[in-house]
Amino acid sequence: MSTKKVRDIRLIDALAAWDLVDLAYNHGLHHLVQKAMPDTMREIRTAHLMNQSPELFFQCPLSSVLAPRLAGPQMERDVTLLEWPLIKHSDKDVILSSIDQIFDEADLNGSLREDVILVADEFVCNALFNATQVGGINNNNIQTAIKLAERPMRQPATVRMGAHNGYLALSCKDKYGTLDPKRFLSRLHSCLQKGASQSINLDERGTAGIGGFMVFNACTSLYMAVEGGTATQFCALFPLKSGAKERSQRPKNLHWISY
């Protein structure tokens, strides 16, 4: 892991999504935390963890965002509901079906199920289609991209889902580290500024295109870490007891680091 870099943690007051992403994209702010929220202190602790111990965030993403004061291998095991290896395209259906089954067993609300499955789908597609490509950009047509994604990945990705203290977290780690965070933020910024329909690029798949906007829109907190040429870690957080309207109106938090 490269030398750690001190990054600002900016407390913001009910800032709208576009303004928040603008601070990240145009002003280079890495941790944007909504203040006066029930989870403000937890978000601040996660920001400190990502700054000071990025290797812990890569290794234990769920506990890093759900319980940052206790983050580590034991807490990661305690909060993890399921963990899946992602090797090829056909694994996607297994992962999404397993998430669906958990929601059936837990009797959680349907809108949350839809959002979590959407985010899982986008995380998986990004790892399969984009992470393996030079520069993290897949320039193949969709048929070719899917055919190539059926070949086993040289470095399997890992998808995890966990819950703790009223929140659900979903993470996806690839072992390529090809994602360009500024490009991701640029696409997200464009979608929020112009509208998703005006920003669709049919040549892009996964979270590097409109998928990033869909992920950000579905969760309440988004975390992204990139160690260039080594790994990319995405994590999304969802409140378990909030309905669709409340989640959509809840101010968002955004965290990103890169090396």
Protein backbone atom coordinates (compact mmCIF):
# COMPACT_ATOMS: atom_id res chain seq x y z
CA MET A 1 0.00 0.00 0.00
CA SER A 2 1.36 3.42 -0.93
CA THR A 3 2.10 6.22 1.53
CA LYS A 4 -1.09 7.46 3.13
CA LYS A 5 -2.38 10.90 2.18
CA VAL A 6 -4.36 13.14 4.51
CA ARG A 7 -7.76 13.92 3.03
CA ASP A 8 -10.30 16.43 4.23
CA ILE A 9 -13.56 15.36 5.81
CA ARG A 10 -16.16 17.98 4.94
CA LEU A 11 -19.36 18.19 6.98
CA ILE A 12 -22.25 19.41 4.86
CA ASP A 13 -25.79 20.43 5.76
CA ALA A 14 -28.49 18.59 3.77
CA LEU A 15 -26.59 19.24 0.56
CA ALA A 16 -28.33 18.05 -2.60
CA ALA A 17 -26.77 15.20 -4.56
CA TRP A 18 -25.50 17.34 -7.46
CA ASP A 19 -23.84 19.88 -5.15
CA LEU A 20 -22.25 17.05 -3.16
CA VAL A 21 -20.80 15.36 -6.26
CA ASP A 22 -19.67 18.76 -7.58
CA LEU A 23 -17.56 19.21 -4.43
CA ALA A 24 -15.99 15.80 -5.03
CA TYR A 25 -15.45 16.19 -8.77
CA ASN A 26 -14.58 19.86 -9.23
CA HIS A 27 -13.07 20.62 -5.82
CA GLY A 28 -11.35 17.33 -5.06
CA LEU A 29 -13.03 16.69 -1.71
CA HIS A 30 -12.82 13.02 -0.73
CA HIS A 31 -15.18 12.65 2.23
CA LEU A 32 -18.53 14.43 2.23
CA VAL A 33 -20.63 13.71 5.31
CA GLN A 34 -24.10 15.06 6.04
CA LYS A 35 -24.16 16.59 9.51
CA ALA A 36 -26.89 16.39 12.15
CA MET A 37 -27.89 12.90 10.98
CA PRO A 38 -28.20 9.77 13.16
CA ASP A 39 -25.25 8.21 11.32
CA THR A 40 -22.98 11.27 11.10
CA MET A 41 -20.41 10.05 13.62
CA ARG A 42 -20.25 6.61 12.02
CA GLU A 43 -19.62 8.19 8.63
CA ILE A 44 -16.84 10.35 10.11
CA ARG A 45 -15.23 7.30 11.67
CA THR A 46 -15.37 5.44 8.36
CA ALA A 47 -13.75 8.44 6.63
CA HIS A 48 -10.92 8.41 9.19
CA LEU A 49 -10.51 4.65 8.71
CA MET A 50 -10.29 4.99 4.93
CA ASN A 51 -7.69 7.75 5.31
CA GLN A 52 -5.57 6.16 8.00
CA SER A 53 -6.00 2.42 7.32
CA PRO A 54 -7.03 1.97 3.67
CA GLU A 55 -5.77 -1.61 3.72
CA LEU A 56 -8.38 -2.36 6.42
CA PHE A 57 -11.13 -0.95 4.20
CA PHE A 58 -9.99 -3.20 1.36
CA GLN A 59 -9.86 -6.27 3.58
CA CYS A 60 -12.94 -5.64 5.76
CA PRO A 61 -15.29 -3.35 3.83
CA LEU A 62 -18.56 -4.29 5.55
CA SER A 63 -17.36 -3.76 9.10
CA SER A 64 -15.52 -0.61 7.98
CA VAL A 65 -18.80 1.05 7.00
CA LEU A 66 -21.21 -0.66 9.42
CA ALA A 67 -19.08 -0.57 12.58
CA PRO A 68 -15.83 1.32 11.92
CA ARG A 69 -14.75 1.41 15.58
CA LEU A 70 -14.80 -2.42 15.61
CA ALA A 71 -13.69 -3.03 12.03
CA GLY A 72 -11.49 -6.06 11.55
CA PRO A 73 -11.59 -9.75 10.58
CA GLN A 74 -13.77 -10.85 13.51
CA MET A 75 -16.34 -8.08 13.07
CA GLU A 76 -16.31 -8.68 9.32
CA ARG A 77 -17.30 -12.29 9.92
CA ASP A 78 -19.95 -11.23 12.44
CA VAL A 79 -21.72 -8.79 10.12
CA THR A 80 -21.39 -10.77 6.87
CA LEU A 81 -24.56 -12.50 5.74
CA LEU A 82 -23.19 -13.91 2.50
CA GLU A 83 -20.00 -13.80 0.50
CA TRP A 84 -19.64 -14.84 -3.12
CA PRO A 85 -16.67 -15.30 -5.46
CA LEU A 86 -17.22 -13.65 -8.84
CA ILE A 87 -15.36 -15.49 -11.55
CA LYS A 88 -17.50 -15.31 -14.69
CA HIS A 89 -20.74 -13.84 -16.03
CA SER A 90 -22.94 -16.78 -15.05
CA ASP A 91 -22.07 -16.14 -11.39
CA LYS A 92 -24.16 -12.98 -11.54
CA ASP A 93 -27.47 -14.87 -11.51
CA VAL A 94 -26.34 -16.92 -8.51
CA ILE A 95 -25.43 -13.79 -6.57
CA LEU A 96 -28.64 -11.91 -7.39
CA SER A 97 -30.80 -14.97 -6.62
CA SER A 98 -29.07 -15.40 -3.26
CA ILE A 99 -29.77 -11.78 -2.35
CA ASP A 100 -33.38 -12.22 -3.39
CA GLN A 101 -33.66 -15.28 -1.15
CA ILE A 102 -32.28 -13.38 1.85
CA PHE A 103 -34.95 -10.74 1.40
CA ASP A 104 -37.61 -13.46 1.26
CA GLU A 105 -36.36 -15.02 4.47
CA ALA A 106 -35.97 -11.69 6.30
CA ASP A 107 -39.31 -10.31 5.04
CA LEU A 108 -37.76 -6.92 4.23
CA ASN A 109 -39.58 -4.29 2.20
CA GLY A 110 -39.78 -4.73 -1.54
CA SER A 111 -38.37 -1.36 -2.56
CA LEU A 112 -35.19 -2.01 -0.57
CA ARG A 113 -34.87 -5.41 -2.25
CA GLU A 114 -35.08 -3.74 -5.66
CA ASP A 115 -32.44 -1.14 -4.78
CA VAL A 116 -30.01 -3.66 -3.31
CA ILE A 117 -30.34 -6.02 -6.28
CA LEU A 118 -29.88 -3.08 -8.68
CA VAL A 119 -26.68 -2.04 -6.91
CA ALA A 120 -25.40 -5.63 -6.77
CA ASP A 121 -26.07 -5.99 -10.50
CA GLU A 122 -24.12 -2.82 -11.28
CA PHE A 123 -21.21 -3.74 -9.00
CA VAL A 124 -20.99 -7.19 -10.60
CA CYS A 125 -21.21 -5.82 -14.15
CA ASN A 126 -18.47 -3.29 -13.46
CA ALA A 127 -16.18 -6.01 -12.09
CA LEU A 128 -16.91 -8.36 -15.02
CA PHE A 129 -16.99 -5.94 -17.94
CA ASN A 130 -14.81 -2.98 -16.99
CA ALA A 131 -12.31 -3.93 -14.29
CA THR A 132 -10.55 -6.47 -16.51
CA GLN A 133 -10.01 -3.95 -19.32
CA VAL A 134 -7.09 -1.58 -19.79
CA GLY A 135 -8.06 1.76 -18.24
CA GLY A 136 -11.22 0.21 -16.82
CA ILE A 137 -13.12 0.91 -20.05
CA ASN A 138 -14.82 -1.82 -22.08
CA ASN A 139 -14.90 -0.87 -25.76
CA ASN A 140 -16.42 -4.16 -26.95
CA ASN A 141 -20.00 -4.44 -28.16
CA ILE A 142 -22.38 -6.01 -25.65
CA GLN A 143 -22.38 -9.47 -27.27
CA THR A 144 -18.58 -9.64 -27.27
CA ALA A 145 -18.38 -8.24 -23.76
CA ILE A 146 -20.71 -10.94 -22.39
CA LYS A 147 -18.88 -13.68 -24.30
CA LEU A 148 -15.55 -12.54 -22.87
CA ALA A 149 -17.07 -12.25 -19.39
CA GLU A 150 -17.96 -15.94 -19.50
CA ARG A 151 -14.27 -16.75 -19.44
CA PRO A 152 -12.98 -17.15 -15.87
CA MET A 153 -11.41 -13.95 -14.55
CA ARG A 154 -7.67 -14.18 -13.98
CA GLN A 155 -8.25 -12.58 -10.59
CA PRO A 156 -11.71 -13.39 -9.14
CA ALA A 157 -13.71 -10.57 -7.56
CA THR A 158 -15.51 -10.80 -4.22
CA VAL A 159 -19.05 -9.67 -3.44
CA ARG A 160 -20.28 -9.45 0.16
CA MET A 161 -23.50 -8.45 1.86
CA GLY A 162 -23.93 -7.79 5.56
CA ALA A 163 -26.06 -6.01 8.13
CA HIS A 164 -25.59 -4.40 11.53
CA ASN A 165 -27.43 -1.95 13.75
CA GLY A 166 -30.23 -1.13 11.31
CA TYR A 167 -28.15 -0.87 8.13
CA LEU A 168 -27.36 -3.18 5.22
CA ALA A 169 -24.09 -2.95 3.29
CA LEU A 170 -23.05 -4.38 -0.06
CA SER A 171 -19.46 -4.49 -1.28
CA CYS A 172 -17.59 -5.60 -4.39
CA LYS A 173 -13.82 -5.84 -4.69
CA ASP A 174 -11.95 -6.56 -7.90
CA LYS A 175 -8.22 -7.27 -8.02
CA TYR A 176 -7.39 -5.09 -11.01
CA GLY A 177 -7.54 -1.50 -9.76
CA THR A 178 -8.26 -0.08 -13.22
CA LEU A 179 -11.09 2.27 -12.21
CA ASP A 180 -10.37 5.97 -12.75
CA PRO A 181 -12.17 7.71 -9.82
CA LYS A 182 -12.19 11.09 -11.54
CA ARG A 183 -13.79 9.59 -14.62
CA PHE A 184 -16.38 7.86 -12.43
CA LEU A 185 -17.15 11.18 -10.70
CA SER A 186 -17.28 12.93 -14.08
CA ARG A 187 -19.95 10.54 -15.35
CA LEU A 188 -21.89 10.81 -12.10
CA HIS A 189 -21.65 14.60 -12.22
CA SER A 190 -22.90 14.62 -15.82
CA CYS A 191 -25.89 12.40 -15.00
CA LEU A 192 -26.91 14.62 -12.09
CA GLN A 193 -26.39 17.81 -14.07
CA LYS A 194 -27.97 16.85 -17.39
CA GLY A 195 -30.24 14.00 -16.33
CA ALA A 196 -29.54 10.32 -16.77
CA SER A 197 -31.35 10.05 -20.12
CA GLN A 198 -29.06 12.70 -21.62
CA SER A 199 -25.91 11.01 -20.32
CA ILE A 200 -26.46 7.43 -21.49
CA ASN A 201 -23.53 6.00 -23.43
CA LEU A 202 -24.54 2.68 -24.93
CA ASP A 203 -20.90 1.78 -25.48
CA GLU A 204 -20.28 1.72 -21.74
CA ARG A 205 -21.33 -0.98 -19.29
CA GLY A 206 -21.15 -1.26 -15.54
CA THR A 207 -20.68 1.54 -13.05
CA ALA A 208 -18.39 3.57 -15.31
CA GLY A 209 -21.45 4.79 -17.26
CA ILE A 210 -25.00 5.54 -16.16
CA GLY A 211 -24.72 2.61 -13.74
CA GLY A 212 -22.75 4.81 -11.35
CA PHE A 213 -25.68 7.21 -11.18
CA MET A 214 -28.09 4.34 -10.55
CA VAL A 215 -25.92 3.06 -7.69
CA PHE A 216 -25.57 6.50 -6.12
CA ASN A 217 -29.28 7.14 -6.44
CA ALA A 218 -30.23 3.82 -4.82
CA CYS A 219 -28.03 3.93 -1.70
CA THR A 220 -27.63 6.52 1.06
CA SER A 221 -23.83 6.28 1.30
CA LEU A 222 -21.34 5.32 -1.40
CA TYR A 223 -17.70 4.40 -0.73
CA MET A 224 -15.01 3.90 -3.36
CA ALA A 225 -11.33 3.03 -2.98
CA VAL A 226 -8.80 2.37 -5.73
CA GLU A 227 -5.24 1.14 -5.39
CA GLY A 228 -4.03 1.57 -8.94
CA GLY A 229 -3.25 -1.68 -10.70
CA THR A 230 -4.08 -3.71 -7.60
CA ALA A 231 -7.70 -3.41 -6.44
CA THR A 232 -10.94 -1.44 -6.55
CA GLN A 233 -13.43 -1.61 -3.68
CA PHE A 234 -17.00 -0.33 -3.91
CA CYS A 235 -19.37 -0.33 -0.95
CA ALA A 236 -22.95 0.91 -0.66
CA LEU A 237 -25.02 1.45 2.48
CA PHE A 238 -28.80 1.23 2.94
CA PRO A 239 -31.00 1.89 6.02
CA LEU A 240 -33.03 -1.25 6.65
CA LYS A 241 -36.16 0.34 8.09
CA SER A 242 -36.67 3.24 5.68
CA GLY A 243 -39.22 3.11 2.88
CA ALA A 244 -38.51 4.11 -0.70
CA LYS A 245 -39.67 7.72 -0.27
CA GLU A 246 -37.64 8.27 2.90
CA ARG A 247 -34.51 6.75 1.33
CA SER A 248 -34.86 8.89 -1.78
CA GLN A 249 -35.18 12.07 0.30
CA ARG A 250 -32.38 11.26 2.71
CA PRO A 251 -29.20 13.34 2.18
CA LYS A 252 -26.33 11.26 0.81
CA ASN A 253 -22.75 10.70 1.91
CA LEU A 254 -19.85 10.13 -0.47
CA HIS A 255 -16.34 8.83 0.21
CA TRP A 256 -13.52 8.09 -2.25
CA ILE A 257 -9.79 7.50 -2.05
CA SER A 258 -7.19 6.47 -4.61
CA TYR A 259 -3.47 5.68 -4.66
